[in-house]
Amino acid sequence: MAGLPFAHLPPARPPMAGPSAPQAMPFRHRQGALPKPRLLLLSREGCCLCDELEEDLLAEFGPQAFELERADVDARADWQERYGRSIPVLLGEGGELLSETRLDAARVASVLGR
């Protein structure tokens, strides 16, 4: 579990089971909205490219489309080793790479369901 970026957070969507799962209605919060996808931006303090990627992400999709957590790439040895020279890095809930150095809007859109 230590390798997953959101291991400390509960799952965003409950798993569906049974033969009718694909046709099942999506889980909805009390307010009627679907849970927002969680994205993790790996950065460093003072990283202008990191700030730019976050701004581009917000401009492209709006703040209501996702929950964004920002973390220092040097906080974990595995992140530092894998991504330390290529920040900013945007990861999806499962740790999948969505963007590296610049926003990959098409890849992010596929995760956000757009």
N, C-alpha and C. Protein backbone atom coordinates (compact mmCIF):
# COMPACT_ATOMS: atom_id res chain seq x y z
N MET A 1 0.81 -1.20 0.00
CA MET A 1 0.00 0.00 0.00
C MET A 1 0.86 1.26 0.00
N ALA A 2 2.10 1.17 0.46
CA ALA A 2 2.94 2.36 0.54
C ALA A 2 3.22 2.95 -0.83
N GLY A 3 3.15 2.16 -1.90
CA GLY A 3 3.46 2.65 -3.22
C GLY A 3 2.32 3.42 -3.87
N LEU A 4 1.12 3.33 -3.34
CA LEU A 4 -0.01 4.02 -3.93
C LEU A 4 -0.09 5.44 -3.40
N PRO A 5 -0.29 6.43 -4.29
CA PRO A 5 -0.27 7.82 -3.83
C PRO A 5 -1.44 8.17 -2.92
N PHE A 6 -2.56 7.50 -3.03
CA PHE A 6 -3.73 7.84 -2.23
C PHE A 6 -4.05 6.75 -1.23
N ALA A 7 -3.04 6.00 -0.77
CA ALA A 7 -3.28 4.88 0.13
C ALA A 7 -3.94 5.33 1.43
N HIS A 8 -3.71 6.58 1.82
CA HIS A 8 -4.28 7.08 3.07
C HIS A 8 -5.71 7.59 2.90
N LEU A 9 -6.25 7.60 1.68
CA LEU A 9 -7.58 8.11 1.42
C LEU A 9 -8.54 6.96 1.12
N PRO A 10 -9.82 7.10 1.47
CA PRO A 10 -10.79 6.04 1.15
C PRO A 10 -11.04 6.00 -0.35
N PRO A 11 -11.54 4.88 -0.87
CA PRO A 11 -11.81 4.79 -2.30
C PRO A 11 -12.82 5.84 -2.73
N ALA A 12 -12.67 6.36 -3.95
CA ALA A 12 -13.56 7.40 -4.44
C ALA A 12 -14.92 6.84 -4.82
N ARG A 13 -14.95 5.63 -5.32
CA ARG A 13 -16.20 5.02 -5.75
C ARG A 13 -16.30 3.61 -5.19
N PRO A 14 -17.48 3.21 -4.74
CA PRO A 14 -17.62 1.84 -4.23
C PRO A 14 -17.55 0.86 -5.41
N PRO A 15 -16.98 -0.32 -5.20
CA PRO A 15 -16.94 -1.30 -6.28
C PRO A 15 -18.33 -1.83 -6.58
N MET A 16 -18.58 -2.08 -7.85
CA MET A 16 -19.85 -2.68 -8.24
C MET A 16 -19.63 -4.17 -8.42
N ALA A 17 -20.61 -4.96 -8.06
CA ALA A 17 -20.48 -6.41 -8.15
C ALA A 17 -21.76 -6.99 -8.73
N GLY A 18 -21.64 -8.22 -9.16
CA GLY A 18 -22.81 -8.94 -9.65
C GLY A 18 -23.00 -8.81 -11.14
N PRO A 19 -23.88 -9.62 -11.69
CA PRO A 19 -24.08 -9.64 -13.13
C PRO A 19 -24.66 -8.34 -13.68
N SER A 20 -25.32 -7.57 -12.86
CA SER A 20 -25.92 -6.34 -13.36
C SER A 20 -25.04 -5.12 -13.10
N ALA A 21 -23.80 -5.30 -12.68
CA ALA A 21 -22.94 -4.18 -12.33
C ALA A 21 -22.79 -3.15 -13.44
N PRO A 22 -22.56 -3.52 -14.70
CA PRO A 22 -22.40 -2.49 -15.72
C PRO A 22 -23.64 -1.63 -15.90
N GLN A 23 -24.82 -2.17 -15.63
CA GLN A 23 -26.04 -1.41 -15.80
C GLN A 23 -26.45 -0.70 -14.51
N ALA A 24 -25.73 -0.95 -13.43
CA ALA A 24 -26.10 -0.37 -12.14
C ALA A 24 -25.98 1.15 -12.17
N MET A 25 -26.82 1.79 -11.41
CA MET A 25 -26.75 3.24 -11.29
C MET A 25 -25.50 3.61 -10.51
N PRO A 26 -24.80 4.69 -10.91
CA PRO A 26 -23.61 5.09 -10.18
C PRO A 26 -23.96 5.54 -8.77
N PHE A 27 -23.04 5.33 -7.86
CA PHE A 27 -23.20 5.78 -6.49
C PHE A 27 -23.27 7.30 -6.48
N ARG A 28 -24.18 7.84 -5.73
CA ARG A 28 -24.30 9.29 -5.64
C ARG A 28 -24.22 9.73 -4.18
N HIS A 29 -23.56 10.86 -3.98
CA HIS A 29 -23.52 11.48 -2.66
C HIS A 29 -24.91 12.02 -2.33
N ARG A 30 -25.12 12.38 -1.10
CA ARG A 30 -26.41 12.93 -0.71
C ARG A 30 -26.80 14.15 -1.52
N GLN A 31 -25.82 14.94 -1.94
CA GLN A 31 -26.10 16.14 -2.71
C GLN A 31 -26.45 15.80 -4.17
N GLY A 32 -26.35 14.53 -4.57
CA GLY A 32 -26.69 14.14 -5.93
C GLY A 32 -25.52 14.17 -6.89
N ALA A 33 -24.33 14.50 -6.45
CA ALA A 33 -23.17 14.59 -7.33
C ALA A 33 -22.33 13.32 -7.24
N LEU A 34 -21.72 12.96 -8.35
CA LEU A 34 -20.78 11.85 -8.35
C LEU A 34 -19.51 12.26 -7.63
N PRO A 35 -18.80 11.32 -7.01
CA PRO A 35 -17.53 11.67 -6.37
C PRO A 35 -16.55 12.18 -7.41
N LYS A 36 -15.76 13.16 -7.03
CA LYS A 36 -14.77 13.73 -7.94
C LYS A 36 -13.54 12.82 -8.00
N PRO A 37 -12.97 12.66 -9.18
CA PRO A 37 -11.69 11.94 -9.26
C PRO A 37 -10.62 12.70 -8.48
N ARG A 38 -9.73 11.95 -7.86
CA ARG A 38 -8.64 12.55 -7.10
C ARG A 38 -7.37 12.51 -7.94
N LEU A 39 -6.69 13.63 -8.00
CA LEU A 39 -5.44 13.75 -8.73
C LEU A 39 -4.35 14.19 -7.76
N LEU A 40 -3.15 13.73 -8.00
CA LEU A 40 -2.00 14.07 -7.15
C LEU A 40 -0.96 14.76 -8.00
N LEU A 41 -0.59 15.98 -7.62
CA LEU A 41 0.45 16.74 -8.30
C LEU A 41 1.73 16.66 -7.48
N LEU A 42 2.74 16.00 -8.03
CA LEU A 42 4.04 15.92 -7.37
C LEU A 42 4.85 17.12 -7.82
N SER A 43 5.38 17.85 -6.84
CA SER A 43 6.08 19.10 -7.14
C SER A 43 7.18 19.33 -6.11
N ARG A 44 7.77 20.48 -6.19
CA ARG A 44 8.73 20.98 -5.20
C ARG A 44 8.40 22.44 -4.94
N GLU A 45 8.77 22.91 -3.78
CA GLU A 45 8.57 24.32 -3.47
C GLU A 45 9.37 25.17 -4.45
N GLY A 46 8.72 26.20 -4.94
CA GLY A 46 9.39 27.11 -5.87
C GLY A 46 9.43 26.63 -7.31
N CYS A 47 8.73 25.57 -7.62
CA CYS A 47 8.72 25.01 -8.97
C CYS A 47 7.70 25.76 -9.83
N CYS A 48 8.18 26.61 -10.71
CA CYS A 48 7.29 27.41 -11.57
C CYS A 48 6.51 26.54 -12.54
N LEU A 49 7.15 25.48 -13.06
CA LEU A 49 6.44 24.57 -13.97
C LEU A 49 5.30 23.85 -13.25
N CYS A 50 5.50 23.56 -11.97
CA CYS A 50 4.45 22.90 -11.18
C CYS A 50 3.25 23.82 -11.02
N ASP A 51 3.51 25.09 -10.72
CA ASP A 51 2.44 26.07 -10.60
C ASP A 51 1.72 26.22 -11.94
N GLU A 52 2.48 26.23 -13.03
CA GLU A 52 1.90 26.36 -14.36
C GLU A 52 1.01 25.17 -14.71
N LEU A 53 1.45 23.95 -14.38
CA LEU A 53 0.63 22.78 -14.67
C LEU A 53 -0.68 22.85 -13.88
N GLU A 54 -0.61 23.25 -12.62
CA GLU A 54 -1.82 23.37 -11.82
C GLU A 54 -2.77 24.42 -12.41
N GLU A 55 -2.22 25.56 -12.82
CA GLU A 55 -3.04 26.60 -13.44
C GLU A 55 -3.68 26.11 -14.74
N ASP A 56 -2.89 25.41 -15.56
CA ASP A 56 -3.42 24.87 -16.82
C ASP A 56 -4.52 23.84 -16.56
N LEU A 57 -4.33 23.01 -15.55
CA LEU A 57 -5.31 21.99 -15.19
C LEU A 57 -6.63 22.65 -14.78
N LEU A 58 -6.54 23.66 -13.95
CA LEU A 58 -7.74 24.37 -13.50
C LEU A 58 -8.41 25.12 -14.64
N ALA A 59 -7.62 25.73 -15.52
CA ALA A 59 -8.18 26.46 -16.65
C ALA A 59 -8.87 25.51 -17.64
N GLU A 60 -8.29 24.35 -17.85
CA GLU A 60 -8.83 23.39 -18.82
C GLU A 60 -10.09 22.69 -18.32
N PHE A 61 -10.11 22.31 -17.04
CA PHE A 61 -11.19 21.46 -16.53
C PHE A 61 -12.04 22.10 -15.45
N GLY A 62 -11.57 23.16 -14.83
CA GLY A 62 -12.31 23.82 -13.75
C GLY A 62 -12.13 23.09 -12.43
N PRO A 63 -12.25 23.81 -11.33
CA PRO A 63 -12.00 23.22 -10.01
C PRO A 63 -13.06 22.22 -9.56
N GLN A 64 -14.23 22.20 -10.19
CA GLN A 64 -15.28 21.27 -9.80
C GLN A 64 -15.09 19.87 -10.39
N ALA A 65 -14.17 19.72 -11.33
CA ALA A 65 -14.02 18.45 -12.06
C ALA A 65 -13.21 17.41 -11.29
N PHE A 66 -12.46 17.81 -10.27
CA PHE A 66 -11.55 16.90 -9.59
C PHE A 66 -11.16 17.46 -8.24
N GLU A 67 -10.57 16.59 -7.42
CA GLU A 67 -9.93 17.01 -6.17
C GLU A 67 -8.44 16.91 -6.40
N LEU A 68 -7.71 17.97 -6.10
CA LEU A 68 -6.27 18.00 -6.33
C LEU A 68 -5.53 18.03 -5.01
N GLU A 69 -4.61 17.11 -4.86
CA GLU A 69 -3.70 17.09 -3.72
C GLU A 69 -2.31 17.37 -4.28
N ARG A 70 -1.57 18.22 -3.61
CA ARG A 70 -0.22 18.55 -4.03
C ARG A 70 0.74 17.99 -2.99
N ALA A 71 1.79 17.30 -3.46
CA ALA A 71 2.75 16.69 -2.54
C ALA A 71 4.17 16.93 -3.04
N ASP A 72 5.09 17.00 -2.09
CA ASP A 72 6.51 17.18 -2.42
C ASP A 72 7.07 15.86 -2.93
N VAL A 73 7.64 15.89 -4.12
CA VAL A 73 8.18 14.68 -4.74
C VAL A 73 9.28 14.06 -3.89
N ASP A 74 9.95 14.86 -3.06
CA ASP A 74 11.04 14.36 -2.22
C ASP A 74 10.55 13.79 -0.90
N ALA A 75 9.23 13.80 -0.67
CA ALA A 75 8.67 13.29 0.59
C ALA A 75 8.78 11.78 0.68
N ARG A 76 8.84 11.11 -0.45
CA ARG A 76 8.96 9.65 -0.47
C ARG A 76 10.09 9.25 -1.42
N ALA A 77 10.88 8.30 -0.99
CA ALA A 77 12.03 7.87 -1.77
C ALA A 77 11.62 7.33 -3.14
N ASP A 78 10.52 6.58 -3.21
CA ASP A 78 10.09 6.02 -4.49
C ASP A 78 9.66 7.12 -5.47
N TRP A 79 8.98 8.15 -4.97
CA TRP A 79 8.62 9.27 -5.84
C TRP A 79 9.87 10.00 -6.31
N GLN A 80 10.78 10.25 -5.38
CA GLN A 80 11.99 11.01 -5.72
C GLN A 80 12.80 10.27 -6.77
N GLU A 81 12.93 8.96 -6.61
CA GLU A 81 13.71 8.17 -7.55
C GLU A 81 13.05 8.13 -8.93
N ARG A 82 11.75 7.93 -8.95
CA ARG A 82 11.05 7.76 -10.22
C ARG A 82 10.74 9.07 -10.93
N TYR A 83 10.34 10.10 -10.17
CA TYR A 83 9.86 11.34 -10.78
C TYR A 83 10.69 12.58 -10.45
N GLY A 84 11.71 12.45 -9.62
CA GLY A 84 12.45 13.60 -9.12
C GLY A 84 13.03 14.51 -10.17
N ARG A 85 13.34 13.97 -11.33
CA ARG A 85 13.92 14.79 -12.40
C ARG A 85 12.93 15.19 -13.47
N SER A 86 11.66 14.88 -13.26
CA SER A 86 10.68 15.17 -14.31
C SER A 86 9.44 15.89 -13.78
N ILE A 87 9.56 16.60 -12.67
CA ILE A 87 8.40 17.30 -12.14
C ILE A 87 8.09 18.51 -13.02
N PRO A 88 6.85 18.91 -13.04
CA PRO A 88 5.72 18.39 -12.30
C PRO A 88 5.22 17.07 -12.89
N VAL A 89 4.65 16.27 -12.01
CA VAL A 89 4.06 14.99 -12.40
C VAL A 89 2.65 14.95 -11.83
N LEU A 90 1.70 14.59 -12.67
CA LEU A 90 0.31 14.46 -12.25
C LEU A 90 -0.07 12.99 -12.31
N LEU A 91 -0.53 12.46 -11.16
CA LEU A 91 -0.91 11.06 -11.05
C LEU A 91 -2.41 10.94 -10.79
N GLY A 92 -2.98 9.85 -11.30
CA GLY A 92 -4.38 9.55 -11.02
C GLY A 92 -4.51 8.79 -9.72
N GLU A 93 -5.73 8.45 -9.36
CA GLU A 93 -6.01 7.77 -8.10
C GLU A 93 -5.26 6.46 -7.93
N GLY A 94 -5.09 5.73 -9.00
CA GLY A 94 -4.39 4.45 -8.94
C GLY A 94 -2.89 4.58 -9.12
N GLY A 95 -2.38 5.79 -9.17
CA GLY A 95 -0.96 6.01 -9.36
C GLY A 95 -0.56 6.09 -10.82
N GLU A 96 -1.56 6.06 -11.75
CA GLU A 96 -1.23 6.12 -13.16
C GLU A 96 -0.73 7.51 -13.54
N LEU A 97 0.27 7.54 -14.39
CA LEU A 97 0.87 8.79 -14.84
C LEU A 97 -0.06 9.47 -15.84
N LEU A 98 -0.46 10.70 -15.53
CA LEU A 98 -1.36 11.45 -16.39
C LEU A 98 -0.64 12.56 -17.14
N SER A 99 0.33 13.17 -16.50
CA SER A 99 1.09 14.26 -17.13
C SER A 99 2.47 14.31 -16.50
N GLU A 100 3.44 14.68 -17.33
CA GLU A 100 4.82 14.81 -16.86
C GLU A 100 5.42 16.04 -17.52
N THR A 101 5.86 16.98 -16.75
CA THR A 101 6.41 18.29 -17.10
C THR A 101 5.40 19.26 -17.69
N ARG A 102 4.48 18.80 -18.52
CA ARG A 102 3.42 19.64 -19.10
C ARG A 102 2.10 18.88 -19.02
N LEU A 103 1.00 19.63 -18.98
CA LEU A 103 -0.32 19.03 -18.91
C LEU A 103 -0.63 18.25 -20.18
N ASP A 104 -1.00 16.99 -20.01
CA ASP A 104 -1.50 16.17 -21.11
C ASP A 104 -3.02 16.17 -20.97
N ALA A 105 -3.66 17.18 -21.56
CA ALA A 105 -5.10 17.39 -21.39
C ALA A 105 -5.92 16.21 -21.86
N ALA A 106 -5.50 15.55 -22.94
CA ALA A 106 -6.26 14.41 -23.46
C ALA A 106 -6.25 13.26 -22.47
N ARG A 107 -5.10 12.98 -21.87
CA ARG A 107 -5.01 11.87 -20.91
C ARG A 107 -5.81 12.19 -19.66
N VAL A 108 -5.73 13.43 -19.18
CA VAL A 108 -6.49 13.82 -17.99
C VAL A 108 -7.99 13.76 -18.30
N ALA A 109 -8.38 14.22 -19.48
CA ALA A 109 -9.79 14.20 -19.86
C ALA A 109 -10.34 12.77 -19.87
N SER A 110 -9.53 11.81 -20.28
CA SER A 110 -10.00 10.42 -20.29
C SER A 110 -10.27 9.92 -18.87
N VAL A 111 -9.49 10.37 -17.91
CA VAL A 111 -9.69 9.97 -16.51
C VAL A 111 -10.90 10.70 -15.92
N LEU A 112 -11.11 11.93 -16.34
CA LEU A 112 -12.23 12.71 -15.82
C LEU A 112 -13.54 12.38 -16.53
N GLY A 113 -13.48 11.52 -17.53
CA GLY A 113 -14.68 11.12 -18.24
C GLY A 113 -15.19 12.15 -19.22
N ARG A 114 -14.29 12.89 -19.81
CA ARG A 114 -14.69 13.94 -20.78
C ARG A 114 -14.24 13.59 -22.16
